[in-house]
N, C-alpha and C. Protein backbone atom coordinates (compact mmCIF):
# COMPACT_ATOMS: atom_id res chain seq x y z
N MET A 1 90.69 110.15 84.13
CA MET A 1 90.37 110.88 85.34
C MET A 1 91.05 110.22 86.53
N THR A 2 91.84 110.96 87.28
CA THR A 2 92.53 110.44 88.46
C THR A 2 91.56 110.41 89.64
N MET A 3 91.54 109.27 90.35
CA MET A 3 90.62 109.11 91.47
C MET A 3 91.35 109.08 92.80
N PHE A 4 92.58 109.61 92.86
CA PHE A 4 93.35 109.63 94.09
C PHE A 4 94.30 110.80 94.05
N THR A 5 94.85 111.11 95.20
CA THR A 5 95.86 112.15 95.28
C THR A 5 97.21 111.47 95.34
N SER A 6 98.07 111.74 94.41
CA SER A 6 99.38 111.09 94.34
C SER A 6 100.38 111.79 95.26
N HIS A 7 101.25 111.02 95.86
CA HIS A 7 102.37 111.57 96.62
C HIS A 7 103.35 112.14 95.61
N PRO A 8 103.88 113.33 95.85
CA PRO A 8 104.72 113.98 94.84
C PRO A 8 105.99 113.21 94.50
N ALA A 9 106.47 112.34 95.39
CA ALA A 9 107.74 111.66 95.14
C ALA A 9 107.56 110.33 94.42
N THR A 10 106.35 109.83 94.29
CA THR A 10 106.14 108.54 93.65
C THR A 10 104.99 108.62 92.65
N THR A 11 105.01 107.70 91.73
CA THR A 11 103.92 107.61 90.77
C THR A 11 102.87 106.62 91.28
N GLU A 12 101.71 106.65 90.67
CA GLU A 12 100.67 105.69 91.03
C GLU A 12 101.17 104.26 90.84
N THR A 13 101.88 104.01 89.77
CA THR A 13 102.39 102.66 89.51
C THR A 13 103.38 102.24 90.59
N GLU A 14 104.27 103.15 90.99
CA GLU A 14 105.24 102.83 92.05
C GLU A 14 104.53 102.52 93.36
N ASP A 15 103.50 103.30 93.69
CA ASP A 15 102.75 103.04 94.92
C ASP A 15 102.06 101.68 94.86
N ARG A 16 101.43 101.38 93.75
CA ARG A 16 100.74 100.09 93.60
C ARG A 16 101.72 98.92 93.72
N LEU A 17 102.86 99.04 93.06
CA LEU A 17 103.85 97.97 93.14
C LEU A 17 104.38 97.80 94.56
N ALA A 18 104.61 98.90 95.26
CA ALA A 18 105.09 98.83 96.64
C ALA A 18 104.05 98.15 97.54
N ILE A 19 102.78 98.45 97.34
CA ILE A 19 101.71 97.83 98.13
C ILE A 19 101.60 96.34 97.81
N LEU A 20 101.68 95.98 96.53
CA LEU A 20 101.65 94.55 96.17
C LEU A 20 102.81 93.79 96.82
N GLU A 21 103.99 94.39 96.80
CA GLU A 21 105.15 93.73 97.41
C GLU A 21 104.98 93.61 98.93
N LEU A 22 104.47 94.65 99.55
CA LEU A 22 104.23 94.63 101.00
C LEU A 22 103.29 93.48 101.37
N ILE A 23 102.18 93.37 100.66
CA ILE A 23 101.20 92.32 100.97
C ILE A 23 101.76 90.94 100.61
N GLY A 24 102.53 90.86 99.53
CA GLY A 24 103.21 89.60 99.21
C GLY A 24 104.16 89.19 100.32
N ASN A 25 104.85 90.17 100.89
CA ASN A 25 105.76 89.87 102.00
C ASN A 25 105.01 89.34 103.22
N LEU A 26 103.81 89.82 103.46
CA LEU A 26 103.02 89.28 104.57
C LEU A 26 102.92 87.77 104.45
N ALA A 27 102.50 87.27 103.29
CA ALA A 27 102.36 85.82 103.11
C ALA A 27 103.70 85.10 103.21
N LEU A 28 104.71 85.62 102.53
CA LEU A 28 106.01 84.95 102.53
C LEU A 28 106.66 84.92 103.91
N LEU A 29 106.59 86.03 104.63
CA LEU A 29 107.21 86.09 105.96
C LEU A 29 106.46 85.23 106.97
N LEU A 30 105.11 85.19 106.87
CA LEU A 30 104.34 84.30 107.73
C LEU A 30 104.75 82.85 107.50
N ASP A 31 104.79 82.45 106.23
CA ASP A 31 105.11 81.07 105.90
C ASP A 31 106.53 80.69 106.30
N ALA A 32 107.46 81.65 106.21
CA ALA A 32 108.85 81.41 106.61
C ALA A 32 109.02 81.52 108.12
N ARG A 33 107.99 82.04 108.79
CA ARG A 33 108.03 82.32 110.22
C ARG A 33 109.22 83.21 110.57
N ASP A 34 109.40 84.21 109.74
CA ASP A 34 110.45 85.20 109.96
C ASP A 34 109.84 86.33 110.79
N TRP A 35 109.73 86.07 112.09
CA TRP A 35 108.99 86.96 112.99
C TRP A 35 109.59 88.36 113.04
N ASP A 36 110.92 88.47 113.03
CA ASP A 36 111.54 89.78 113.10
C ASP A 36 111.20 90.63 111.87
N ALA A 37 111.35 90.05 110.70
CA ALA A 37 111.03 90.78 109.47
C ALA A 37 109.54 91.06 109.37
N LEU A 38 108.72 90.15 109.84
CA LEU A 38 107.27 90.32 109.79
C LEU A 38 106.84 91.54 110.58
N GLU A 39 107.51 91.80 111.67
CA GLU A 39 107.17 92.96 112.50
C GLU A 39 107.34 94.27 111.73
N GLY A 40 108.24 94.30 110.76
CA GLY A 40 108.55 95.52 110.03
C GLY A 40 107.55 95.92 108.95
N ILE A 41 106.55 95.10 108.67
CA ILE A 41 105.60 95.45 107.60
C ILE A 41 104.37 96.20 108.10
N TRP A 42 104.27 96.36 109.43
CA TRP A 42 103.07 96.95 110.04
C TRP A 42 103.32 98.41 110.43
N ALA A 43 102.25 99.18 110.46
CA ALA A 43 102.28 100.54 111.00
C ALA A 43 102.47 100.46 112.52
N ASP A 44 102.69 101.58 113.16
CA ASP A 44 102.92 101.61 114.61
C ASP A 44 101.74 101.06 115.40
N GLU A 45 100.53 101.28 114.93
CA GLU A 45 99.32 100.69 115.51
C GLU A 45 98.56 100.02 114.39
N VAL A 46 98.00 98.84 114.67
CA VAL A 46 97.34 98.06 113.64
C VAL A 46 95.93 97.69 114.11
N TYR A 47 94.95 98.02 113.29
CA TYR A 47 93.59 97.54 113.50
C TYR A 47 93.54 96.13 112.94
N TYR A 48 93.12 95.16 113.77
CA TYR A 48 93.18 93.75 113.39
C TYR A 48 91.85 93.08 113.71
N ASP A 49 91.20 92.54 112.67
CA ASP A 49 89.88 91.95 112.84
C ASP A 49 89.82 90.59 112.17
N ARG A 50 89.82 89.54 112.98
CA ARG A 50 89.64 88.17 112.51
C ARG A 50 88.41 87.56 113.18
N THR A 51 87.46 88.42 113.54
CA THR A 51 86.29 87.95 114.29
C THR A 51 85.44 86.98 113.49
N SER A 52 85.44 87.05 112.18
CA SER A 52 84.64 86.11 111.39
C SER A 52 85.19 84.69 111.50
N LEU A 53 86.44 84.57 111.88
CA LEU A 53 87.08 83.27 112.00
C LEU A 53 87.03 82.73 113.42
N PHE A 54 87.37 83.56 114.39
CA PHE A 54 87.51 83.09 115.78
C PHE A 54 86.58 83.76 116.77
N GLY A 55 85.73 84.68 116.32
CA GLY A 55 84.87 85.41 117.25
C GLY A 55 85.64 86.50 117.95
N GLY A 56 85.11 86.95 119.08
CA GLY A 56 85.78 88.01 119.84
C GLY A 56 85.49 89.38 119.26
N GLU A 57 86.40 90.30 119.50
CA GLU A 57 86.25 91.68 119.06
C GLU A 57 87.48 92.09 118.26
N PRO A 58 87.33 93.02 117.32
CA PRO A 58 88.52 93.57 116.65
C PRO A 58 89.43 94.21 117.69
N MET A 59 90.73 94.30 117.36
CA MET A 59 91.71 94.84 118.30
C MET A 59 92.54 95.91 117.60
N THR A 60 93.11 96.79 118.37
CA THR A 60 94.18 97.66 117.90
C THR A 60 95.42 97.26 118.69
N VAL A 61 96.46 96.83 117.97
CA VAL A 61 97.65 96.26 118.60
C VAL A 61 98.91 96.88 118.00
N THR A 62 100.02 96.65 118.68
CA THR A 62 101.32 97.04 118.14
C THR A 62 101.82 95.92 117.22
N PRO A 63 102.77 96.21 116.36
CA PRO A 63 103.34 95.15 115.55
C PRO A 63 103.91 94.00 116.39
N ALA A 64 104.56 94.31 117.50
CA ALA A 64 105.13 93.27 118.36
C ALA A 64 104.04 92.36 118.91
N GLU A 65 102.93 92.94 119.35
CA GLU A 65 101.82 92.14 119.88
C GLU A 65 101.21 91.28 118.79
N LEU A 66 101.04 91.84 117.60
CA LEU A 66 100.45 91.09 116.50
C LEU A 66 101.33 89.91 116.11
N VAL A 67 102.62 90.17 115.96
CA VAL A 67 103.54 89.11 115.55
C VAL A 67 103.68 88.05 116.64
N GLU A 68 103.64 88.44 117.90
CA GLU A 68 103.69 87.45 118.99
C GLU A 68 102.46 86.54 118.92
N GLY A 69 101.30 87.10 118.59
CA GLY A 69 100.11 86.28 118.41
C GLY A 69 100.27 85.29 117.27
N TYR A 70 100.83 85.75 116.15
CA TYR A 70 101.11 84.83 115.04
C TYR A 70 102.09 83.75 115.48
N ARG A 71 103.14 84.15 116.19
CA ARG A 71 104.17 83.18 116.63
C ARG A 71 103.55 82.10 117.52
N GLN A 72 102.70 82.52 118.45
CA GLN A 72 102.06 81.56 119.36
C GLN A 72 101.11 80.63 118.60
N ALA A 73 100.35 81.18 117.65
CA ALA A 73 99.35 80.38 116.93
C ALA A 73 99.96 79.51 115.84
N LEU A 74 101.00 80.00 115.17
CA LEU A 74 101.49 79.33 113.97
C LEU A 74 102.89 78.76 114.10
N GLY A 75 103.60 79.13 115.15
CA GLY A 75 105.02 78.77 115.27
C GLY A 75 105.31 77.28 115.34
N ASN A 76 104.40 76.48 115.86
CA ASN A 76 104.63 75.05 115.99
C ASN A 76 104.05 74.22 114.85
N LEU A 77 103.36 74.85 113.92
CA LEU A 77 102.81 74.09 112.80
C LEU A 77 103.95 73.47 111.99
N ASP A 78 103.69 72.32 111.38
CA ASP A 78 104.70 71.67 110.55
C ASP A 78 104.96 72.46 109.27
N SER A 79 103.90 73.08 108.75
CA SER A 79 104.03 73.82 107.52
C SER A 79 102.89 74.82 107.39
N LEU A 80 103.16 75.89 106.66
CA LEU A 80 102.16 76.93 106.36
C LEU A 80 102.29 77.30 104.89
N HIS A 81 101.17 77.68 104.29
CA HIS A 81 101.24 78.20 102.92
C HIS A 81 100.07 79.15 102.71
N HIS A 82 100.39 80.42 102.54
CA HIS A 82 99.37 81.45 102.32
C HIS A 82 99.49 82.01 100.91
N MET A 83 98.35 82.21 100.28
CA MET A 83 98.29 82.86 98.97
C MET A 83 97.34 84.05 99.07
N ILE A 84 97.79 85.19 98.58
CA ILE A 84 96.97 86.39 98.57
C ILE A 84 96.92 86.86 97.11
N THR A 85 95.71 86.95 96.56
CA THR A 85 95.55 87.19 95.13
C THR A 85 94.45 88.21 94.84
N ASN A 86 94.38 88.61 93.57
CA ASN A 86 93.30 89.46 93.05
C ASN A 86 93.21 90.79 93.80
N HIS A 87 94.34 91.42 93.99
CA HIS A 87 94.41 92.70 94.70
C HIS A 87 93.67 93.81 93.96
N VAL A 88 92.85 94.54 94.67
CA VAL A 88 92.20 95.74 94.15
C VAL A 88 92.60 96.88 95.09
N ILE A 89 93.45 97.77 94.59
CA ILE A 89 94.05 98.83 95.39
C ILE A 89 93.39 100.16 95.05
N LYS A 90 93.07 100.91 96.09
CA LYS A 90 92.58 102.27 95.93
C LYS A 90 93.51 103.20 96.68
N LEU A 91 94.10 104.15 95.96
CA LEU A 91 95.06 105.09 96.53
C LEU A 91 94.39 106.40 96.87
N ASP A 92 94.82 106.98 97.99
CA ASP A 92 94.33 108.30 98.39
C ASP A 92 95.46 109.01 99.13
N GLY A 93 96.39 109.58 98.37
CA GLY A 93 97.53 110.25 98.98
C GLY A 93 98.41 109.29 99.76
N ASP A 94 98.56 109.55 101.06
CA ASP A 94 99.40 108.70 101.91
C ASP A 94 98.61 107.58 102.57
N ARG A 95 97.42 107.33 102.11
CA ARG A 95 96.58 106.23 102.60
C ARG A 95 96.13 105.41 101.40
N ALA A 96 95.83 104.15 101.64
CA ALA A 96 95.32 103.29 100.58
C ALA A 96 94.52 102.17 101.23
N THR A 97 93.70 101.54 100.41
CA THR A 97 93.02 100.31 100.82
C THR A 97 93.31 99.26 99.76
N CYS A 98 93.21 98.02 100.15
CA CYS A 98 93.38 96.92 99.21
C CYS A 98 92.47 95.78 99.65
N ALA A 99 91.68 95.29 98.71
CA ALA A 99 90.88 94.08 98.94
C ALA A 99 91.54 92.96 98.15
N ALA A 100 91.63 91.77 98.75
CA ALA A 100 92.28 90.65 98.08
C ALA A 100 91.70 89.34 98.61
N ASN A 101 91.80 88.31 97.79
CA ASN A 101 91.44 86.97 98.24
C ASN A 101 92.63 86.36 98.96
N MET A 102 92.35 85.54 99.98
CA MET A 102 93.41 84.88 100.73
C MET A 102 93.03 83.42 100.96
N GLN A 103 94.01 82.56 100.80
CA GLN A 103 93.84 81.15 101.16
C GLN A 103 95.05 80.74 101.98
N GLY A 104 94.80 80.14 103.14
CA GLY A 104 95.88 79.69 104.01
C GLY A 104 95.74 78.21 104.31
N THR A 105 96.82 77.48 104.09
CA THR A 105 96.85 76.05 104.42
C THR A 105 97.80 75.86 105.59
N HIS A 106 97.34 75.14 106.60
CA HIS A 106 98.07 74.92 107.84
C HIS A 106 98.21 73.42 108.04
N VAL A 107 99.42 72.96 108.34
CA VAL A 107 99.68 71.52 108.46
C VAL A 107 100.29 71.23 109.83
N PHE A 108 99.72 70.23 110.51
CA PHE A 108 100.27 69.78 111.79
C PHE A 108 99.89 68.32 112.00
N ALA A 109 100.90 67.45 112.02
CA ALA A 109 100.65 66.02 112.24
C ALA A 109 100.12 65.83 113.65
N ASN A 110 99.00 65.10 113.76
CA ASN A 110 98.39 64.88 115.07
C ASN A 110 97.57 63.60 115.04
N THR A 111 97.15 63.17 116.20
CA THR A 111 96.38 61.92 116.30
C THR A 111 94.89 62.15 116.52
N SER A 112 94.46 63.40 116.43
CA SER A 112 93.05 63.67 116.72
C SER A 112 92.28 64.18 115.51
N GLY A 113 92.70 63.77 114.32
CA GLY A 113 91.97 64.18 113.13
C GLY A 113 92.90 64.51 111.99
N ASP A 114 92.34 65.15 110.99
CA ASP A 114 93.07 65.53 109.79
C ASP A 114 94.30 66.38 110.15
N ASP A 115 95.35 66.23 109.38
CA ASP A 115 96.59 66.99 109.59
C ASP A 115 96.58 68.36 108.92
N ILE A 116 95.53 68.66 108.15
CA ILE A 116 95.51 69.89 107.36
C ILE A 116 94.23 70.67 107.63
N TRP A 117 94.39 71.98 107.73
CA TRP A 117 93.26 72.90 107.79
C TRP A 117 93.52 73.98 106.76
N THR A 118 92.58 74.16 105.85
CA THR A 118 92.69 75.20 104.83
C THR A 118 91.50 76.13 104.96
N VAL A 119 91.78 77.41 104.89
CA VAL A 119 90.75 78.43 105.05
C VAL A 119 90.88 79.43 103.90
N GLY A 120 89.75 79.89 103.42
CA GLY A 120 89.76 80.88 102.35
C GLY A 120 88.83 82.03 102.69
N GLY A 121 89.17 83.20 102.19
CA GLY A 121 88.32 84.35 102.45
C GLY A 121 88.90 85.60 101.83
N ARG A 122 88.49 86.71 102.39
CA ARG A 122 88.87 88.01 101.86
C ARG A 122 89.68 88.78 102.90
N HIS A 123 90.74 89.40 102.44
CA HIS A 123 91.51 90.34 103.26
C HIS A 123 91.15 91.75 102.81
N ASP A 124 90.87 92.61 103.76
CA ASP A 124 90.70 94.04 103.50
C ASP A 124 91.77 94.77 104.29
N TYR A 125 92.67 95.42 103.56
CA TYR A 125 93.81 96.11 104.16
C TYR A 125 93.58 97.60 104.21
N GLN A 126 94.08 98.22 105.27
CA GLN A 126 94.24 99.66 105.36
C GLN A 126 95.75 99.89 105.36
N LEU A 127 96.21 100.77 104.50
CA LEU A 127 97.64 101.00 104.35
C LEU A 127 97.96 102.46 104.55
N THR A 128 99.15 102.71 105.06
CA THR A 128 99.60 104.08 105.27
C THR A 128 101.04 104.22 104.80
N ARG A 129 101.34 105.35 104.22
CA ARG A 129 102.72 105.62 103.81
C ARG A 129 103.46 106.21 105.01
N THR A 130 104.62 105.66 105.30
CA THR A 130 105.47 106.17 106.37
C THR A 130 106.78 106.64 105.76
N ALA A 131 107.66 107.16 106.58
CA ALA A 131 108.99 107.57 106.11
C ALA A 131 109.76 106.37 105.56
N ASP A 132 109.39 105.15 106.00
CA ASP A 132 110.06 103.93 105.56
C ASP A 132 109.28 103.21 104.46
N GLY A 133 108.27 103.84 103.90
CA GLY A 133 107.48 103.21 102.85
C GLY A 133 106.09 102.82 103.34
N TRP A 134 105.35 102.12 102.50
CA TRP A 134 104.00 101.68 102.84
C TRP A 134 104.03 100.65 103.95
N ARG A 135 103.05 100.73 104.88
CA ARG A 135 102.91 99.77 105.97
C ARG A 135 101.43 99.42 106.11
N ILE A 136 101.17 98.23 106.64
CA ILE A 136 99.80 97.78 106.86
C ILE A 136 99.32 98.36 108.20
N ALA A 137 98.26 99.17 108.14
CA ALA A 137 97.70 99.81 109.33
C ALA A 137 96.42 99.12 109.79
N GLY A 138 95.88 98.25 108.98
CA GLY A 138 94.67 97.53 109.35
C GLY A 138 94.51 96.31 108.48
N LEU A 139 93.97 95.24 109.07
CA LEU A 139 93.71 94.00 108.34
C LEU A 139 92.43 93.38 108.88
N THR A 140 91.47 93.20 108.00
CA THR A 140 90.23 92.50 108.34
C THR A 140 90.15 91.26 107.47
N PHE A 141 89.97 90.11 108.11
CA PHE A 141 89.80 88.85 107.39
C PHE A 141 88.34 88.44 107.51
N THR A 142 87.71 88.16 106.38
CA THR A 142 86.34 87.67 106.36
C THR A 142 86.35 86.27 105.76
N ILE A 143 86.04 85.28 106.58
CA ILE A 143 86.06 83.89 106.12
C ILE A 143 84.94 83.65 105.12
N GLN A 144 85.25 82.87 104.09
CA GLN A 144 84.25 82.46 103.12
C GLN A 144 84.07 80.95 103.11
N TRP A 145 85.12 80.22 103.47
CA TRP A 145 85.02 78.77 103.53
C TRP A 145 86.22 78.21 104.30
N ALA A 146 86.08 76.99 104.76
CA ALA A 146 87.19 76.28 105.42
C ALA A 146 86.96 74.79 105.25
N THR A 147 88.04 74.05 105.26
CA THR A 147 87.96 72.60 105.18
C THR A 147 89.09 71.99 106.01
N GLY A 148 88.85 70.81 106.54
CA GLY A 148 89.87 70.13 107.32
C GLY A 148 89.69 70.36 108.81
N ASN A 149 90.79 70.22 109.53
CA ASN A 149 90.80 70.20 110.99
C ASN A 149 91.21 71.56 111.55
N MET A 150 90.22 72.40 111.85
CA MET A 150 90.48 73.73 112.41
C MET A 150 91.24 73.66 113.74
N ASN A 151 91.12 72.55 114.43
CA ASN A 151 91.72 72.40 115.75
C ASN A 151 93.25 72.26 115.71
N ILE A 152 93.85 72.06 114.53
CA ILE A 152 95.31 71.87 114.53
C ILE A 152 96.06 73.11 115.00
N VAL A 153 95.49 74.29 114.82
CA VAL A 153 96.16 75.50 115.32
C VAL A 153 96.24 75.45 116.84
N ASN A 154 95.16 75.03 117.50
CA ASN A 154 95.17 74.88 118.97
C ASN A 154 96.10 73.75 119.40
N LEU A 155 96.09 72.64 118.69
CA LEU A 155 96.97 71.52 119.02
C LEU A 155 98.44 71.93 118.90
N ALA A 156 98.77 72.65 117.84
CA ALA A 156 100.15 73.09 117.65
C ALA A 156 100.57 74.09 118.73
N ALA A 157 99.67 75.01 119.06
CA ALA A 157 99.98 76.01 120.09
C ALA A 157 100.20 75.34 121.45
N ALA A 158 99.48 74.27 121.72
CA ALA A 158 99.61 73.56 122.99
C ALA A 158 100.85 72.66 123.03
N ALA A 159 101.53 72.50 121.90
CA ALA A 159 102.65 71.56 121.82
C ALA A 159 103.94 72.07 122.46
N GLY A 160 103.94 73.30 122.95
CA GLY A 160 105.15 73.82 123.60
C GLY A 160 105.53 75.17 123.04
N SER A 161 106.73 75.59 123.37
CA SER A 161 107.22 76.90 122.97
C SER A 161 107.47 76.92 121.47
N PRO A 162 106.80 77.83 120.74
CA PRO A 162 106.97 77.87 119.29
C PRO A 162 108.33 78.40 118.87
N SER A 163 108.67 78.08 117.63
CA SER A 163 109.96 78.52 117.09
C SER A 163 109.94 79.99 116.74
C-alpha cells in the first residue's frame, strides 16, 4: 500500500535518495564551511527552530540569513564535525518530512574551559521539491544531551571576523 503521492518524473526510491543526499550535504557543507554551496540546499524561505538549544523563538529566514548566522556562529571554530543518522522519510508528493538523529562536535582552543562542545539531538526536516530538486524548507532541532564547553561557540564568534 502506497502512503504518499509520487511525483510523476521520479520514483519513491529516487526521491528518498535525493533527500538523503541533501541532508548529508547539510552536514558536509557545514563542516567544510562552504557557505556559498550551503546556501543552495535551502528553500526560498526556511522555518528554523533551535529554541531547545538557545531559547528565543522559531524564525522564518532566507537562505542567505540562515547561512550568515551559521558563518557568524561557526566560522571561527577550529573544527566541526556533524553526523546525521537514522533518517525516517515520509513522502507526500512535492513535500516530505524527515526525522533524524544529529550529533555535532565543535572545537575551539581557549583558556576558559574545555576546547570541545558536543551536542546530540533530533532534527525534524520539512522538505519541498523545487525545479532544482529537493530543498530544506524547515529545520527543527530538539536537544537531547550535550557535553563539554557550550561557551566555545560564543568565544569563537567573539574572536573576530569569521572565515
